[in-house]
Amino acid sequence: MNSGGILGQTGSCHLELGEHRTAAEHFEQAASTLNPADLRTRALFASRAASAHFLAGDQDGGLAAADSALDLAAHVQSARLNEHLEQTMDHLRAAPATGLTT
């Protein structure tokens, strides 16, 4: 496992513990360590970061990370990624209204 994988797993642990801001930071650090060609993993980390931001109440950060995840996902077919994106959408829907519609 490389440093990106370790940071991603650490982010997942923080997310499960309810430490959403710390989780988002780890997911973003993890994505920054990856090869730009590793679209699927970068999209997974971006979707997880988006969920963490939404759960932390950071809608701007969540929207930015979700946008990145969707851009990357357009080039990848992955059932696991689709599950993460569905969870991200659930977190977006549960976020306080910002004038945006989904």
C-alpha atoms as a PDB file:
ATOM      1  CA  MET A   1       0.000   0.000   0.000  1.00  0.00           C
ATOM      2  CA  ASN A   2       1.313   3.451  -0.874  1.00  0.00           C
ATOM      3  CA  SER A   3       0.998   6.689   1.101  1.00  0.00           C
ATOM      4  CA  GLY A   4      -2.185   7.636  -0.774  1.00  0.00           C
ATOM      5  CA  GLY A   5      -3.836   4.388   0.260  1.00  0.00           C
ATOM      6  CA  ILE A   6      -2.797   4.873   3.868  1.00  0.00           C
ATOM      7  CA  LEU A   7      -4.102   8.442   3.895  1.00  0.00           C
ATOM      8  CA  GLY A   8      -7.357   7.270   2.300  1.00  0.00           C
ATOM      9  CA  GLN A   9      -7.821   4.534   4.905  1.00  0.00           C
ATOM     10  CA  THR A  10      -7.067   7.058   7.644  1.00  0.00           C
ATOM     11  CA  GLY A  11      -9.692   9.362   6.158  1.00  0.00           C
ATOM     12  CA  SER A  12     -12.215   6.521   6.188  1.00  0.00           C
ATOM     13  CA  CYS A  13     -11.495   5.870   9.865  1.00  0.00           C
ATOM     14  CA  HIS A  14     -11.988   9.538  10.738  1.00  0.00           C
ATOM     15  CA  LEU A  15     -15.202   9.601   8.712  1.00  0.00           C
ATOM     16  CA  GLU A  16     -16.562   6.596  10.616  1.00  0.00           C
ATOM     17  CA  LEU A  17     -15.576   8.241  13.910  1.00  0.00           C
ATOM     18  CA  GLY A  18     -17.529  11.382  12.992  1.00  0.00           C
ATOM     19  CA  GLU A  19     -14.366  13.463  12.617  1.00  0.00           C
ATOM     20  CA  HIS A  20     -15.524  14.876   9.301  1.00  0.00           C
ATOM     21  CA  ARG A  21     -13.148  17.800   8.821  1.00  0.00           C
ATOM     22  CA  THR A  22     -10.132  15.626   9.563  1.00  0.00           C
ATOM     23  CA  ALA A  23     -11.496  12.966   7.214  1.00  0.00           C
ATOM     24  CA  ALA A  24     -11.865  15.495   4.394  1.00  0.00           C
ATOM     25  CA  GLU A  25      -8.281  16.649   4.882  1.00  0.00           C
ATOM     26  CA  HIS A  26      -6.977  13.087   4.696  1.00  0.00           C
ATOM     27  CA  PHE A  27      -8.976  12.268   1.563  1.00  0.00           C
ATOM     28  CA  GLU A  28      -7.695  15.408  -0.141  1.00  0.00           C
ATOM     29  CA  GLN A  29      -4.103  14.637   0.874  1.00  0.00           C
ATOM     30  CA  ALA A  30      -4.541  11.074  -0.371  1.00  0.00           C
ATOM     31  CA  ALA A  31      -5.768  12.229  -3.767  1.00  0.00           C
ATOM     32  CA  SER A  32      -2.838  14.628  -4.107  1.00  0.00           C
ATOM     33  CA  THR A  33      -0.356  11.753  -3.788  1.00  0.00           C
ATOM     34  CA  LEU A  34      -1.857   9.680  -6.596  1.00  0.00           C
ATOM     35  CA  ASN A  35      -0.785   9.349 -10.181  1.00  0.00           C
ATOM     36  CA  PRO A  36      -3.026  11.631 -12.286  1.00  0.00           C
ATOM     37  CA  ALA A  37      -3.900   8.599 -14.440  1.00  0.00           C
ATOM     38  CA  ASP A  38      -5.426   6.785 -11.440  1.00  0.00           C
ATOM     39  CA  LEU A  39      -8.881   8.195 -12.144  1.00  0.00           C
ATOM     40  CA  ARG A  40     -10.931   5.660 -10.218  1.00  0.00           C
ATOM     41  CA  THR A  41      -9.080   6.059  -6.919  1.00  0.00           C
ATOM     42  CA  ARG A  42      -8.921   9.833  -7.291  1.00  0.00           C
ATOM     43  CA  ALA A  43     -12.690   9.854  -7.888  1.00  0.00           C
ATOM     44  CA  LEU A  44     -13.266   7.623  -4.855  1.00  0.00           C
ATOM     45  CA  PHE A  45     -11.227   9.914  -2.622  1.00  0.00           C
ATOM     46  CA  ALA A  46     -12.986  12.997  -4.026  1.00  0.00           C
ATOM     47  CA  SER A  47     -16.422  11.479  -3.382  1.00  0.00           C
ATOM     48  CA  ARG A  48     -15.437  10.519   0.155  1.00  0.00           C
ATOM     49  CA  ALA A  49     -14.026  14.031   0.711  1.00  0.00           C
ATOM     50  CA  ALA A  50     -17.301  15.493  -0.543  1.00  0.00           C
ATOM     51  CA  SER A  51     -19.289  13.396   1.931  1.00  0.00           C
ATOM     52  CA  ALA A  52     -16.962  14.426   4.754  1.00  0.00           C
ATOM     53  CA  HIS A  53     -17.335  18.103   3.857  1.00  0.00           C
ATOM     54  CA  PHE A  54     -21.139  17.857   3.694  1.00  0.00           C
ATOM     55  CA  LEU A  55     -21.256  16.042   7.038  1.00  0.00           C
ATOM     56  CA  ALA A  56     -19.015  18.739   8.544  1.00  0.00           C
ATOM     57  CA  GLY A  57     -21.415  21.423   7.323  1.00  0.00           C
ATOM     58  CA  ASP A  58     -18.967  22.678   4.690  1.00  0.00           C
ATOM     59  CA  GLN A  59     -21.236  22.842   1.667  1.00  0.00           C
ATOM     60  CA  ASP A  60     -18.776  24.783  -0.502  1.00  0.00           C
ATOM     61  CA  GLY A  61     -16.048  22.213   0.113  1.00  0.00           C
ATOM     62  CA  GLY A  62     -18.534  19.405  -0.446  1.00  0.00           C
ATOM     63  CA  LEU A  63     -19.732  20.842  -3.732  1.00  0.00           C
ATOM     64  CA  ALA A  64     -16.177  21.407  -4.973  1.00  0.00           C
ATOM     65  CA  ALA A  65     -15.132  17.853  -4.096  1.00  0.00           C
ATOM     66  CA  ALA A  66     -18.343  16.398  -5.561  1.00  0.00           C
ATOM     67  CA  ASP A  67     -17.774  18.315  -8.776  1.00  0.00           C
ATOM     68  CA  SER A  68     -14.260  16.886  -8.989  1.00  0.00           C
ATOM     69  CA  ALA A  69     -15.548  13.372  -8.274  1.00  0.00           C
ATOM     70  CA  LEU A  70     -18.184  13.630 -10.997  1.00  0.00           C
ATOM     71  CA  ASP A  71     -15.682  14.968 -13.529  1.00  0.00           C
ATOM     72  CA  LEU A  72     -13.392  12.013 -12.841  1.00  0.00           C
ATOM     73  CA  ALA A  73     -16.255   9.497 -12.715  1.00  0.00           C
ATOM     74  CA  ALA A  74     -17.284  10.418 -16.247  1.00  0.00           C
ATOM     75  CA  HIS A  75     -14.212   8.509 -17.430  1.00  0.00           C
ATOM     76  CA  VAL A  76     -14.542   5.459 -15.173  1.00  0.00           C
ATOM     77  CA  GLN A  77     -16.952   2.552 -14.825  1.00  0.00           C
ATOM     78  CA  SER A  78     -16.929   1.262 -11.265  1.00  0.00           C
ATOM     79  CA  ALA A  79     -19.703  -0.161  -9.122  1.00  0.00           C
ATOM     80  CA  ARG A  80     -17.792   0.815  -5.977  1.00  0.00           C
ATOM     81  CA  LEU A  81     -17.411   4.398  -7.185  1.00  0.00           C
ATOM     82  CA  ASN A  82     -21.118   4.532  -8.039  1.00  0.00           C
ATOM     83  CA  GLU A  83     -21.948   3.445  -4.472  1.00  0.00           C
ATOM     84  CA  HIS A  84     -19.739   6.202  -3.057  1.00  0.00           C
ATOM     85  CA  LEU A  85     -21.324   8.775  -5.359  1.00  0.00           C
ATOM     86  CA  GLU A  86     -24.803   7.682  -4.239  1.00  0.00           C
ATOM     87  CA  GLN A  87     -23.732   8.148  -0.603  1.00  0.00           C
ATOM     88  CA  THR A  88     -22.342  11.572  -1.487  1.00  0.00           C
ATOM     89  CA  MET A  89     -25.677  12.533  -3.042  1.00  0.00           C
ATOM     90  CA  ASP A  90     -27.478  11.332   0.101  1.00  0.00           C
ATOM     91  CA  HIS A  91     -25.221  13.585   2.203  1.00  0.00           C
ATOM     92  CA  LEU A  92     -25.849  16.499  -0.146  1.00  0.00           C
ATOM     93  CA  ARG A  93     -29.609  16.005   0.093  1.00  0.00           C
ATOM     94  CA  ALA A  94     -29.378  15.913   3.906  1.00  0.00           C
ATOM     95  CA  ALA A  95     -27.322  19.132   4.039  1.00  0.00           C
ATOM     96  CA  PRO A  96     -29.106  22.342   5.010  1.00  0.00           C
ATOM     97  CA  ALA A  97     -30.618  24.141   2.035  1.00  0.00           C
ATOM     98  CA  THR A  98     -28.316  26.539   0.192  1.00  0.00           C
ATOM     99  CA  GLY A  99     -30.649  27.552  -2.593  1.00  0.00           C
ATOM    100  CA  LEU A 100     -29.386  24.700  -4.758  1.00  0.00           C
ATOM    101  CA  THR A 101     -31.562  21.897  -6.025  1.00  0.00           C
ATOM    102  CA  THR A 102     -30.496  18.325  -6.759  1.00  0.00           C
END
